[in-house]
């Protein structure tokens, strides 16, 4: 799946928008988005991080940060938009910084 990831600030958090190059991947992306929203502890003991919930959140590769946040998504015509908002006590500046840091390691990243 080839996509462009865009990061923007929103009130109380950050938006992570994933736009697909090939719309035929939309069903797979929506399935992964639903998983991100309900993510909790890893489902398996394997520490490999594949983006398919096979690793732990502390590995720090995915720009969707779950620790101290709420995560929701909205389907788009050509992708999804995640809204990650800080819970009380969560450092909003750190959330935004860490999200951008993680996204910058992705193959296609755009910051606005």
PDB file of N, CA and C in Angstrom:
ATOM      1  N   UNK A   1       0.856  -1.173   0.000  1.00  0.00           N
ATOM      2  CA  UNK A   1       0.000   0.000   0.000  1.00  0.00           C
ATOM      3  C   UNK A   1       0.898   1.231   0.000  1.00  0.00           C
ATOM      4  N   UNK A   2       0.710   2.095  -0.971  1.00  0.00           N
ATOM      5  CA  UNK A   2       1.475   3.335  -1.054  1.00  0.00           C
ATOM      6  C   UNK A   2       0.562   4.491  -0.684  1.00  0.00           C
ATOM      7  N   UNK A   3       1.040   5.342   0.229  1.00  0.00           N
ATOM      8  CA  UNK A   3       0.209   6.427   0.722  1.00  0.00           C
ATOM      9  C   UNK A   3       1.061   7.630   1.082  1.00  0.00           C
ATOM     10  N   UNK A   4       0.412   8.762   1.155  1.00  0.00           N
ATOM     11  CA  UNK A   4       1.003   9.996   1.626  1.00  0.00           C
ATOM     12  C   UNK A   4       0.418  10.261   3.004  1.00  0.00           C
ATOM     13  N   UNK A   5       1.251  10.529   3.991  1.00  0.00           N
ATOM     14  CA  UNK A   5       0.788  10.832   5.345  1.00  0.00           C
ATOM     15  C   UNK A   5       1.000  12.316   5.597  1.00  0.00           C
ATOM     16  N   UNK A   6      -0.068  12.985   6.011  1.00  0.00           N
ATOM     17  CA  UNK A   6      -0.039  14.418   6.270  1.00  0.00           C
ATOM     18  C   UNK A   6      -0.396  14.664   7.731  1.00  0.00           C
ATOM     19  N   UNK A   7       0.360  15.524   8.401  1.00  0.00           N
ATOM     20  CA  UNK A   7       0.144  15.839   9.811  1.00  0.00           C
ATOM     21  C   UNK A   7      -0.277  17.301   9.929  1.00  0.00           C
ATOM     22  N   UNK A   8      -1.375  17.538  10.654  1.00  0.00           N
ATOM     23  CA  UNK A   8      -1.824  18.905  10.935  1.00  0.00           C
ATOM     24  C   UNK A   8      -2.277  18.978  12.399  1.00  0.00           C
ATOM     25  N   UNK A   9      -2.104  20.146  12.984  1.00  0.00           N
ATOM     26  CA  UNK A   9      -2.599  20.364  14.342  1.00  0.00           C
ATOM     27  C   UNK A   9      -4.103  20.603  14.295  1.00  0.00           C
ATOM     28  N   UNK A  10      -4.792  20.077  15.294  1.00  0.00           N
ATOM     29  CA  UNK A  10      -6.215  20.318  15.491  1.00  0.00           C
ATOM     30  C   UNK A  10      -6.394  20.723  16.948  1.00  0.00           C
ATOM     31  N   UNK A  11      -7.522  21.307  17.317  1.00  0.00           N
ATOM     32  CA  UNK A  11      -7.721  21.666  18.726  1.00  0.00           C
ATOM     33  C   UNK A  11      -7.548  20.449  19.638  1.00  0.00           C
ATOM     34  N   UNK A  12      -6.629  20.555  20.572  1.00  0.00           N
ATOM     35  CA  UNK A  12      -6.406  19.499  21.552  1.00  0.00           C
ATOM     36  C   UNK A  12      -5.638  18.297  21.051  1.00  0.00           C
ATOM     37  N   UNK A  13      -5.097  18.369  19.829  1.00  0.00           N
ATOM     38  CA  UNK A  13      -4.381  17.199  19.333  1.00  0.00           C
ATOM     39  C   UNK A  13      -3.780  17.392  17.965  1.00  0.00           C
ATOM     40  N   UNK A  14      -3.807  16.308  17.203  1.00  0.00           N
ATOM     41  CA  UNK A  14      -3.177  16.288  15.894  1.00  0.00           C
ATOM     42  C   UNK A  14      -4.012  15.406  14.966  1.00  0.00           C
ATOM     43  N   UNK A  15      -4.071  15.789  13.690  1.00  0.00           N
ATOM     44  CA  UNK A  15      -4.728  14.966  12.680  1.00  0.00           C
ATOM     45  C   UNK A  15      -3.650  14.278  11.856  1.00  0.00           C
ATOM     46  N   UNK A  16      -3.846  12.999  11.625  1.00  0.00           N
ATOM     47  CA  UNK A  16      -2.959  12.209  10.771  1.00  0.00           C
ATOM     48  C   UNK A  16      -3.817  11.749   9.592  1.00  0.00           C
ATOM     49  N   UNK A  17      -3.566  12.342   8.436  1.00  0.00           N
ATOM     50  CA  UNK A  17      -4.345  12.016   7.245  1.00  0.00           C
ATOM     51  C   UNK A  17      -3.511  11.117   6.344  1.00  0.00           C
ATOM     52  N   UNK A  18      -4.094   9.989   5.972  1.00  0.00           N
ATOM     53  CA  UNK A  18      -3.428   9.022   5.109  1.00  0.00           C
ATOM     54  C   UNK A  18      -4.171   9.010   3.779  1.00  0.00           C
ATOM     55  N   UNK A  19      -3.484   9.434   2.718  1.00  0.00           N
ATOM     56  CA  UNK A  19      -4.075   9.500   1.386  1.00  0.00           C
ATOM     57  C   UNK A  19      -3.433   8.445   0.499  1.00  0.00           C
ATOM     58  N   UNK A  20      -4.253   7.648  -0.137  1.00  0.00           N
ATOM     59  CA  UNK A  20      -3.774   6.527  -0.942  1.00  0.00           C
ATOM     60  C   UNK A  20      -3.432   6.947  -2.363  1.00  0.00           C
ATOM     61  N   UNK A  21      -2.409   6.299  -2.918  1.00  0.00           N
ATOM     62  CA  UNK A  21      -2.089   6.465  -4.332  1.00  0.00           C
ATOM     63  C   UNK A  21      -3.045   5.636  -5.180  1.00  0.00           C
ATOM     64  N   UNK A  22      -3.424   4.474  -4.664  1.00  0.00           N
ATOM     65  CA  UNK A  22      -4.277   3.533  -5.400  1.00  0.00           C
ATOM     66  C   UNK A  22      -5.542   3.294  -4.592  1.00  0.00           C
ATOM     67  N   UNK A  23      -6.680   3.732  -5.111  1.00  0.00           N
ATOM     68  CA  UNK A  23      -7.942   3.616  -4.376  1.00  0.00           C
ATOM     69  C   UNK A  23      -8.364   2.174  -4.142  1.00  0.00           C
ATOM     70  N   UNK A  24      -7.771   1.232  -4.846  1.00  0.00           N
ATOM     71  CA  UNK A  24      -8.130  -0.170  -4.621  1.00  0.00           C
ATOM     72  C   UNK A  24      -7.664  -0.657  -3.247  1.00  0.00           C
ATOM     73  N   UNK A  25      -6.802   0.109  -2.579  1.00  0.00           N
ATOM     74  CA  UNK A  25      -6.326  -0.244  -1.240  1.00  0.00           C
ATOM     75  C   UNK A  25      -7.220   0.314  -0.132  1.00  0.00           C
ATOM     76  N   UNK A  26      -8.299   0.996  -0.496  1.00  0.00           N
ATOM     77  CA  UNK A  26      -9.121   1.679   0.508  1.00  0.00           C
ATOM     78  C   UNK A  26      -9.738   0.727   1.526  1.00  0.00           C
ATOM     79  N   UNK A  27     -10.235  -0.430   1.100  1.00  0.00           N
ATOM     80  CA  UNK A  27     -10.832  -1.375   2.053  1.00  0.00           C
ATOM     81  C   UNK A  27      -9.810  -1.837   3.090  1.00  0.00           C
ATOM     82  N   UNK A  28      -8.588  -2.108   2.641  1.00  0.00           N
ATOM     83  CA  UNK A  28      -7.534  -2.525   3.579  1.00  0.00           C
ATOM     84  C   UNK A  28      -7.207  -1.394   4.549  1.00  0.00           C
ATOM     85  N   UNK A  29      -7.107  -0.169   4.050  1.00  0.00           N
ATOM     86  CA  UNK A  29      -6.815   0.976   4.911  1.00  0.00           C
ATOM     87  C   UNK A  29      -7.920   1.190   5.937  1.00  0.00           C
ATOM     88  N   UNK A  30      -9.174   1.071   5.524  1.00  0.00           N
ATOM     89  CA  UNK A  30     -10.290   1.230   6.471  1.00  0.00           C
ATOM     90  C   UNK A  30     -10.261   0.145   7.539  1.00  0.00           C
ATOM     91  N   UNK A  31      -9.908  -1.058   7.166  1.00  0.00           N
ATOM     92  CA  UNK A  31      -9.785  -2.145   8.137  1.00  0.00           C
ATOM     93  C   UNK A  31      -8.692  -1.837   9.158  1.00  0.00           C
ATOM     94  N   UNK A  32      -7.558  -1.337   8.689  1.00  0.00           N
ATOM     95  CA  UNK A  32      -6.474  -0.967   9.592  1.00  0.00           C
ATOM     96  C   UNK A  32      -6.857   0.223  10.460  1.00  0.00           C
ATOM     97  N   UNK A  33      -7.628   1.151   9.921  1.00  0.00           N
ATOM     98  CA  UNK A  33      -8.076   2.314  10.695  1.00  0.00           C
ATOM     99  C   UNK A  33      -8.998   1.883  11.832  1.00  0.00           C
ATOM    100  N   UNK A  34      -9.917   0.957  11.538  1.00  0.00           N
ATOM    101  CA  UNK A  34     -10.806   0.458  12.598  1.00  0.00           C
ATOM    102  C   UNK A  34      -9.992  -0.221  13.699  1.00  0.00           C
ATOM    103  N   UNK A  35      -8.956  -0.926  13.327  1.00  0.00           N
ATOM    104  CA  UNK A  35      -8.077  -1.573  14.303  1.00  0.00           C
ATOM    105  C   UNK A  35      -7.369  -0.535  15.159  1.00  0.00           C
ATOM    106  N   UNK A  36      -6.895   0.540  14.546  1.00  0.00           N
ATOM    107  CA  UNK A  36      -6.210   1.595  15.301  1.00  0.00           C
ATOM    108  C   UNK A  36      -7.122   2.197  16.370  1.00  0.00           C
ATOM    109  N   UNK A  37      -8.389   2.347  16.054  1.00  0.00           N
ATOM    110  CA  UNK A  37      -9.331   2.964  16.998  1.00  0.00           C
ATOM    111  C   UNK A  37      -9.577   2.068  18.200  1.00  0.00           C
ATOM    112  N   UNK A  38      -9.565   0.757  18.005  1.00  0.00           N
ATOM    113  CA  UNK A  38      -9.855  -0.131  19.140  1.00  0.00           C
ATOM    114  C   UNK A  38      -8.599  -0.773  19.736  1.00  0.00           C
ATOM    115  N   UNK A  39      -7.454  -0.321  19.314  1.00  0.00           N
ATOM    116  CA  UNK A  39      -6.184  -0.921  19.743  1.00  0.00           C
ATOM    117  C   UNK A  39      -6.030  -0.850  21.269  1.00  0.00           C
ATOM    118  N   UNK A  40      -5.408  -1.830  21.804  1.00  0.00           N
ATOM    119  CA  UNK A  40      -5.109  -1.876  23.236  1.00  0.00           C
ATOM    120  C   UNK A  40      -3.777  -2.571  23.403  1.00  0.00           C
ATOM    121  N   UNK A  41      -3.744  -3.581  24.213  1.00  0.00           N
ATOM    122  CA  UNK A  41      -2.532  -4.367  24.373  1.00  0.00           C
ATOM    123  C   UNK A  41      -2.314  -5.217  23.127  1.00  0.00           C
ATOM    124  N   UNK A  42      -1.070  -5.541  22.799  1.00  0.00           N
ATOM    125  CA  UNK A  42      -0.812  -6.388  21.640  1.00  0.00           C
ATOM    126  C   UNK A  42      -1.550  -7.718  21.755  1.00  0.00           C
ATOM    127  N   UNK A  43      -2.017  -8.227  20.618  1.00  0.00           N
ATOM    128  CA  UNK A  43      -2.759  -9.474  20.611  1.00  0.00           C
ATOM    129  C   UNK A  43      -1.862 -10.696  20.684  1.00  0.00           C
ATOM    130  N   UNK A  44      -0.586 -10.501  20.400  1.00  0.00           N
ATOM    131  CA  UNK A  44       0.366 -11.604  20.429  1.00  0.00           C
ATOM    132  C   UNK A  44       1.619 -11.149  21.147  1.00  0.00           C
ATOM    133  N   UNK A  45       2.463 -12.107  21.517  1.00  0.00           N
ATOM    134  CA  UNK A  45       3.696 -11.779  22.219  1.00  0.00           C
ATOM    135  C   UNK A  45       4.845 -11.432  21.284  1.00  0.00           C
ATOM    136  N   UNK A  46       4.633 -11.517  19.996  1.00  0.00           N
ATOM    137  CA  UNK A  46       5.685 -11.211  19.029  1.00  0.00           C
ATOM    138  C   UNK A  46       5.934  -9.707  19.030  1.00  0.00           C
ATOM    139  N   UNK A  47       7.180  -9.283  19.073  1.00  0.00           N
ATOM    140  CA  UNK A  47       7.487  -7.871  19.145  1.00  0.00           C
ATOM    141  C   UNK A  47       7.805  -7.260  17.781  1.00  0.00           C
ATOM    142  N   UNK A  48       7.433  -7.926  16.703  1.00  0.00           N
ATOM    143  CA  UNK A  48       7.615  -7.377  15.365  1.00  0.00           C
ATOM    144  C   UNK A  48       6.523  -6.335  15.126  1.00  0.00           C
ATOM    145  N   UNK A  49       6.905  -5.165  14.628  1.00  0.00           N
ATOM    146  CA  UNK A  49       5.928  -4.113  14.366  1.00  0.00           C
ATOM    147  C   UNK A  49       5.665  -4.052  12.871  1.00  0.00           C
ATOM    148  N   UNK A  50       4.480  -4.456  12.464  1.00  0.00           N
ATOM    149  CA  UNK A  50       4.138  -4.502  11.042  1.00  0.00           C
ATOM    150  C   UNK A  50       3.036  -3.535  10.685  1.00  0.00           C
ATOM    151  N   UNK A  51       2.455  -2.854  11.660  1.00  0.00           N
ATOM    152  CA  UNK A  51       1.299  -2.007  11.408  1.00  0.00           C
ATOM    153  C   UNK A  51       0.004  -2.796  11.415  1.00  0.00           C
ATOM    154  N   UNK A  52       0.086  -4.075  11.704  1.00  0.00           N
ATOM    155  CA  UNK A  52      -1.096  -4.935  11.740  1.00  0.00           C
ATOM    156  C   UNK A  52      -1.354  -5.441  13.159  1.00  0.00           C
ATOM    157  N   UNK A  53      -0.976  -4.651  14.152  1.00  0.00           N
ATOM    158  CA  UNK A  53      -1.197  -4.950  15.569  1.00  0.00           C
ATOM    159  C   UNK A  53      -0.402  -6.172  16.031  1.00  0.00           C
ATOM    160  N   UNK A  54       0.789  -6.355  15.456  1.00  0.00           N
ATOM    161  CA  UNK A  54       1.622  -7.468  15.887  1.00  0.00           C
ATOM    162  C   UNK A  54       2.728  -7.016  16.825  1.00  0.00           C
ATOM    163  N   UNK A  55       2.811  -5.735  17.101  1.00  0.00           N
ATOM    164  CA  UNK A  55       3.842  -5.243  18.003  1.00  0.00           C
ATOM    165  C   UNK A  55       3.222  -4.365  19.072  1.00  0.00           C
ATOM    166  N   UNK A  56       4.045  -3.930  19.982  1.00  0.00           N
ATOM    167  CA  UNK A  56       3.555  -3.088  21.083  1.00  0.00           C
ATOM    168  C   UNK A  56       3.676  -1.619  20.720  1.00  0.00           C
ATOM    169  N   UNK A  57       2.809  -0.799  21.287  1.00  0.00           N
ATOM    170  CA  UNK A  57       2.815   0.622  20.997  1.00  0.00           C
ATOM    171  C   UNK A  57       4.076   1.338  21.413  1.00  0.00           C
ATOM    172  N   UNK A  58       4.824   0.789  22.359  1.00  0.00           N
ATOM    173  CA  UNK A  58       6.028   1.474  22.815  1.00  0.00           C
ATOM    174  C   UNK A  58       7.174   1.377  21.812  1.00  0.00           C
ATOM    175  N   UNK A  59       6.997   0.606  20.730  1.00  0.00           N
ATOM    176  CA  UNK A  59       8.063   0.508  19.729  1.00  0.00           C
ATOM    177  C   UNK A  59       8.235   1.826  18.992  1.00  0.00           C
ATOM    178  N   UNK A  60       7.176   2.599  18.886  1.00  0.00           N
ATOM    179  CA  UNK A  60       7.305   3.966  18.416  1.00  0.00           C
ATOM    180  C   UNK A  60       7.483   4.187  16.931  1.00  0.00           C
ATOM    181  N   UNK A  61       6.880   3.370  16.084  1.00  0.00           N
ATOM    182  CA  UNK A  61       7.004   3.583  14.643  1.00  0.00           C
ATOM    183  C   UNK A  61       5.765   4.217  14.043  1.00  0.00           C
ATOM    184  N   UNK A  62       4.613   3.885  14.530  1.00  0.00           N
ATOM    185  CA  UNK A  62       3.360   4.387  13.977  1.00  0.00           C
ATOM    186  C   UNK A  62       3.122   5.809  14.469  1.00  0.00           C
ATOM    187  N   UNK A  63       2.692   6.727  13.594  1.00  0.00           N
ATOM    188  CA  UNK A  63       2.416   8.086  14.055  1.00  0.00           C
ATOM    189  C   UNK A  63       1.130   8.218  14.865  1.00  0.00           C
ATOM    190  N   UNK A  64       0.322   7.163  14.938  1.00  0.00           N
ATOM    191  CA  UNK A  64      -0.878   7.188  15.768  1.00  0.00           C
ATOM    192  C   UNK A  64      -0.464   6.809  17.185  1.00  0.00           C
ATOM    193  N   UNK A  65      -0.450   7.783  18.076  1.00  0.00           N
ATOM    194  CA  UNK A  65      -0.002   7.568  19.454  1.00  0.00           C
ATOM    195  C   UNK A  65      -1.223   7.325  20.327  1.00  0.00           C
ATOM    196  N   UNK A  66      -1.236   6.200  21.019  1.00  0.00           N
ATOM    197  CA  UNK A  66      -2.384   5.809  21.837  1.00  0.00           C
ATOM    198  C   UNK A  66      -2.228   6.162  23.312  1.00  0.00           C
ATOM    199  N   UNK A  67      -1.020   6.258  23.793  1.00  0.00           N
ATOM    200  CA  UNK A  67      -0.773   6.501  25.205  1.00  0.00           C
ATOM    201  C   UNK A  67      -1.229   7.906  25.588  1.00  0.00           C
ATOM    202  N   UNK A  68      -2.261   7.991  26.433  1.00  0.00           N
ATOM    203  CA  UNK A  68      -2.756   9.281  26.902  1.00  0.00           C
ATOM    204  C   UNK A  68      -3.566  10.042  25.870  1.00  0.00           C
ATOM    205  N   UNK A  69      -4.183   9.321  24.937  1.00  0.00           N
ATOM    206  CA  UNK A  69      -4.950   9.979  23.882  1.00  0.00           C
ATOM    207  C   UNK A  69      -6.272   9.259  23.625  1.00  0.00           C
ATOM    208  N   UNK A  70      -7.126   9.922  22.883  1.00  0.00           N
ATOM    209  CA  UNK A  70      -8.274   9.268  22.260  1.00  0.00           C
ATOM    210  C   UNK A  70      -8.005   9.289  20.756  1.00  0.00           C
ATOM    211  N   UNK A  71      -8.442   8.241  20.066  1.00  0.00           N
ATOM    212  CA  UNK A  71      -8.207   8.137  18.626  1.00  0.00           C
ATOM    213  C   UNK A  71      -9.532   7.850  17.932  1.00  0.00           C
ATOM    214  N   UNK A  72      -9.846   8.660  16.942  1.00  0.00           N
ATOM    215  CA  UNK A  72     -11.020   8.473  16.099  1.00  0.00           C
ATOM    216  C   UNK A  72     -10.575   8.638  14.656  1.00  0.00           C
ATOM    217  N   UNK A  73     -11.358   8.109  13.726  1.00  0.00           N
ATOM    218  CA  UNK A  73     -11.028   8.339  12.322  1.00  0.00           C
ATOM    219  C   UNK A  73     -12.277   8.623  11.518  1.00  0.00           C
ATOM    220  N   UNK A  74     -12.059   9.305  10.398  1.00  0.00           N
ATOM    221  CA  UNK A  74     -13.123   9.610   9.446  1.00  0.00           C
ATOM    222  C   UNK A  74     -12.673   9.092   8.086  1.00  0.00           C
ATOM    223  N   UNK A  75     -13.504   8.287   7.432  1.00  0.00           N
ATOM    224  CA  UNK A  75     -13.154   7.846   6.078  1.00  0.00           C
ATOM    225  C   UNK A  75     -13.181   9.036   5.116  1.00  0.00           C
ATOM    226  N   UNK A  76     -12.269   9.024   4.166  1.00  0.00           N
ATOM    227  CA  UNK A  76     -12.227  10.009   3.098  1.00  0.00           C
ATOM    228  C   UNK A  76     -12.401   9.277   1.768  1.00  0.00           C
ATOM    229  N   UNK A  77     -12.627   9.993   0.717  1.00  0.00           N
ATOM    230  CA  UNK A  77     -12.767   9.364  -0.602  1.00  0.00           C
ATOM    231  C   UNK A  77     -11.493   8.618  -0.986  1.00  0.00           C
ATOM    232  N   UNK A  78     -10.347   9.188  -0.622  1.00  0.00           N
ATOM    233  CA  UNK A  78      -9.070   8.610  -1.026  1.00  0.00           C
ATOM    234  C   UNK A  78      -8.172   8.235   0.164  1.00  0.00           C
ATOM    235  N   UNK A  79      -8.768   8.001   1.341  1.00  0.00           N
ATOM    236  CA  UNK A  79      -7.967   7.635   2.501  1.00  0.00           C
ATOM    237  C   UNK A  79      -8.742   7.758   3.799  1.00  0.00           C
ATOM    238  N   UNK A  80      -8.030   8.099   4.870  1.00  0.00           N
ATOM    239  CA  UNK A  80      -8.652   8.294   6.177  1.00  0.00           C
ATOM    240  C   UNK A  80      -7.971   9.455   6.894  1.00  0.00           C
ATOM    241  N   UNK A  81      -8.706  10.044   7.817  1.00  0.00           N
ATOM    242  CA  UNK A  81      -8.161  11.104   8.676  1.00  0.00           C
ATOM    243  C   UNK A  81      -8.357  10.660  10.116  1.00  0.00           C
ATOM    244  N   UNK A  82      -7.254  10.448  10.804  1.00  0.00           N
ATOM    245  CA  UNK A  82      -7.279  10.129  12.227  1.00  0.00           C
ATOM    246  C   UNK A  82      -7.243  11.430  13.011  1.00  0.00           C
ATOM    247  N   UNK A  83      -7.987  11.482  14.093  1.00  0.00           N
ATOM    248  CA  UNK A  83      -7.915  12.605  15.015  1.00  0.00           C
ATOM    249  C   UNK A  83      -7.466  12.049  16.356  1.00  0.00           C
ATOM    250  N   UNK A  84      -6.280  12.457  16.749  1.00  0.00           N
ATOM    251  CA  UNK A  84      -5.663  11.991  17.990  1.00  0.00           C
ATOM    252  C   UNK A  84      -5.658  13.179  18.947  1.00  0.00           C
ATOM    253  N   UNK A  85      -6.426  13.056  20.028  1.00  0.00           N
ATOM    254  CA  UNK A  85      -6.536  14.159  20.985  1.00  0.00           C
ATOM    255  C   UNK A  85      -5.956  13.753  22.334  1.00  0.00           C
ATOM    256  N   UNK A  86      -5.258  14.685  22.940  1.00  0.00           N
ATOM    257  CA  UNK A  86      -4.629  14.451  24.236  1.00  0.00           C
ATOM    258  C   UNK A  86      -5.676  14.387  25.342  1.00  0.00           C
ATOM    259  N   UNK A  87      -5.530  13.399  26.217  1.00  0.00           N
ATOM    260  CA  UNK A  87      -6.351  13.320  27.422  1.00  0.00           C
ATOM    261  C   UNK A  87      -5.788  14.281  28.462  1.00  0.00           C
ATOM    262  N   UNK A  88      -6.586  14.652  29.472  1.00  0.00           N
ATOM    263  CA  UNK A  88      -6.054  15.516  30.533  1.00  0.00           C
ATOM    264  C   UNK A  88      -4.770  14.925  31.121  1.00  0.00           C
ATOM    265  N   UNK A  89      -3.775  15.784  31.287  1.00  0.00           N
ATOM    266  CA  UNK A  89      -2.493  15.344  31.827  1.00  0.00           C
ATOM    267  C   UNK A  89      -1.480  14.946  30.752  1.00  0.00           C
ATOM    268  N   UNK A  90      -1.929  14.759  29.526  1.00  0.00           N
ATOM    269  CA  UNK A  90      -1.034  14.409  28.421  1.00  0.00           C
ATOM    270  C   UNK A  90      -0.444  15.692  27.854  1.00  0.00           C
ATOM    271  N   UNK A  91       0.850  15.727  27.652  1.00  0.00           N
ATOM    272  CA  UNK A  91       1.549  16.895  27.125  1.00  0.00           C
ATOM    273  C   UNK A  91       1.217  17.049  25.637  1.00  0.00           C
ATOM    274  N   UNK A  92       0.413  18.048  25.302  1.00  0.00           N
ATOM    275  CA  UNK A  92      -0.017  18.272  23.927  1.00  0.00           C
ATOM    276  C   UNK A  92       1.166  18.599  23.016  1.00  0.00           C
ATOM    277  N   UNK A  93       2.088  19.403  23.482  1.00  0.00           N
ATOM    278  CA  UNK A  93       3.261  19.743  22.675  1.00  0.00           C
ATOM    279  C   UNK A  93       4.072  18.497  22.347  1.00  0.00           C
ATOM    280  N   UNK A  94       4.245  17.622  23.315  1.00  0.00           N
ATOM    281  CA  UNK A  94       4.993  16.378  23.089  1.00  0.00           C
ATOM    282  C   UNK A  94       4.238  15.461  22.132  1.00  0.00           C
ATOM    283  N   UNK A  95       2.916  15.390  22.262  1.00  0.00           N
ATOM    284  CA  UNK A  95       2.117  14.570  21.354  1.00  0.00           C
ATOM    285  C   UNK A  95       2.324  15.027  19.910  1.00  0.00           C
ATOM    286  N   UNK A  96       2.227  16.322  19.685  1.00  0.00           N
ATOM    287  CA  UNK A  96       2.399  16.857  18.327  1.00  0.00           C
ATOM    288  C   UNK A  96       3.824  16.624  17.814  1.00  0.00           C
ATOM    289  N   UNK A  97       4.798  16.859  18.655  1.00  0.00           N
ATOM    290  CA  UNK A  97       6.197  16.657  18.271  1.00  0.00           C
ATOM    291  C   UNK A  97       6.469  15.197  17.951  1.00  0.00           C
ATOM    292  N   UNK A  98       6.032  14.300  18.826  1.00  0.00           N
ATOM    293  CA  UNK A  98       6.306  12.873  18.642  1.00  0.00           C
ATOM    294  C   UNK A  98       5.577  12.309  17.421  1.00  0.00           C
ATOM    295  N   UNK A  99       4.368  12.797  17.172  1.00  0.00           N
ATOM    296  CA  UNK A  99       3.633  12.355  15.983  1.00  0.00           C
ATOM    297  C   UNK A  99       4.399  12.744  14.726  1.00  0.00           C
ATOM    298  N   UNK A 100       4.868  13.968  14.665  1.00  0.00           N
ATOM    299  CA  UNK A 100       5.640  14.419  13.499  1.00  0.00           C
ATOM    300  C   UNK A 100       6.964  13.662  13.370  1.00  0.00           C
ATOM    301  N   UNK A 101       7.602  13.406  14.490  1.00  0.00           N
ATOM    302  CA  UNK A 101       8.865  12.670  14.468  1.00  0.00           C
ATOM    303  C   UNK A 101       8.662  11.272  13.892  1.00  0.00           C
ATOM    304  N   UNK A 102       7.613  10.595  14.340  1.00  0.00           N
ATOM    305  CA  UNK A 102       7.331   9.248  13.833  1.00  0.00           C
ATOM    306  C   UNK A 102       6.931   9.286  12.359  1.00  0.00           C
ATOM    307  N   UNK A 103       6.084  10.253  11.992  1.00  0.00           N
ATOM    308  CA  UNK A 103       5.627  10.341  10.599  1.00  0.00           C
ATOM    309  C   UNK A 103       6.778  10.666   9.653  1.00  0.00           C
ATOM    310  N   UNK A 104       7.743  11.438  10.126  1.00  0.00           N
ATOM    311  CA  UNK A 104       8.880  11.808   9.275  1.00  0.00           C
ATOM    312  C   UNK A 104       9.691  10.591   8.842  1.00  0.00           C
ATOM    313  N   UNK A 105       9.563   9.485   9.552  1.00  0.00           N
ATOM    314  CA  UNK A 105      10.286   8.269   9.203  1.00  0.00           C
ATOM    315  C   UNK A 105       9.540   7.422   8.170  1.00  0.00           C
ATOM    316  N   UNK A 106       8.306   7.817   7.868  1.00  0.00           N
ATOM    317  CA  UNK A 106       7.527   7.089   6.870  1.00  0.00           C
ATOM    318  C   UNK A 106       8.026   7.440   5.472  1.00  0.00           C
ATOM    319  N   UNK A 107       7.802   6.544   4.501  1.00  0.00           N
ATOM    320  CA  UNK A 107       8.289   6.810   3.144  1.00  0.00           C
ATOM    321  C   UNK A 107       7.713   8.075   2.509  1.00  0.00           C
ATOM    322  N   UNK A 108       6.448   8.423   2.773  1.00  0.00           N
ATOM    323  CA  UNK A 108       5.828   9.613   2.191  1.00  0.00           C
ATOM    324  C   UNK A 108       5.176  10.411   3.306  1.00  0.00           C
ATOM    325  N   UNK A 109       5.719  11.587   3.603  1.00  0.00           N
ATOM    326  CA  UNK A 109       5.234  12.397   4.707  1.00  0.00           C
ATOM    327  C   UNK A 109       5.179  13.856   4.275  1.00  0.00           C
ATOM    328  N   UNK A 110       4.112  14.542   4.659  1.00  0.00           N
ATOM    329  CA  UNK A 110       3.942  15.964   4.365  1.00  0.00           C
ATOM    330  C   UNK A 110       3.458  16.650   5.632  1.00  0.00           C
ATOM    331  N   UNK A 111       4.083  17.750   5.998  1.00  0.00           N
ATOM    332  CA  UNK A 111       3.656  18.507   7.178  1.00  0.00           C
ATOM    333  C   UNK A 111       3.066  19.823   6.734  1.00  0.00           C
ATOM    334  N   UNK A 112       1.942  20.172   7.336  1.00  0.00           N
ATOM    335  CA  UNK A 112       1.320  21.481   7.069  1.00  0.00           C
ATOM    336  C   UNK A 112       1.159  22.217   8.359  1.00  0.00           C
TER     337      UNK A 112
END
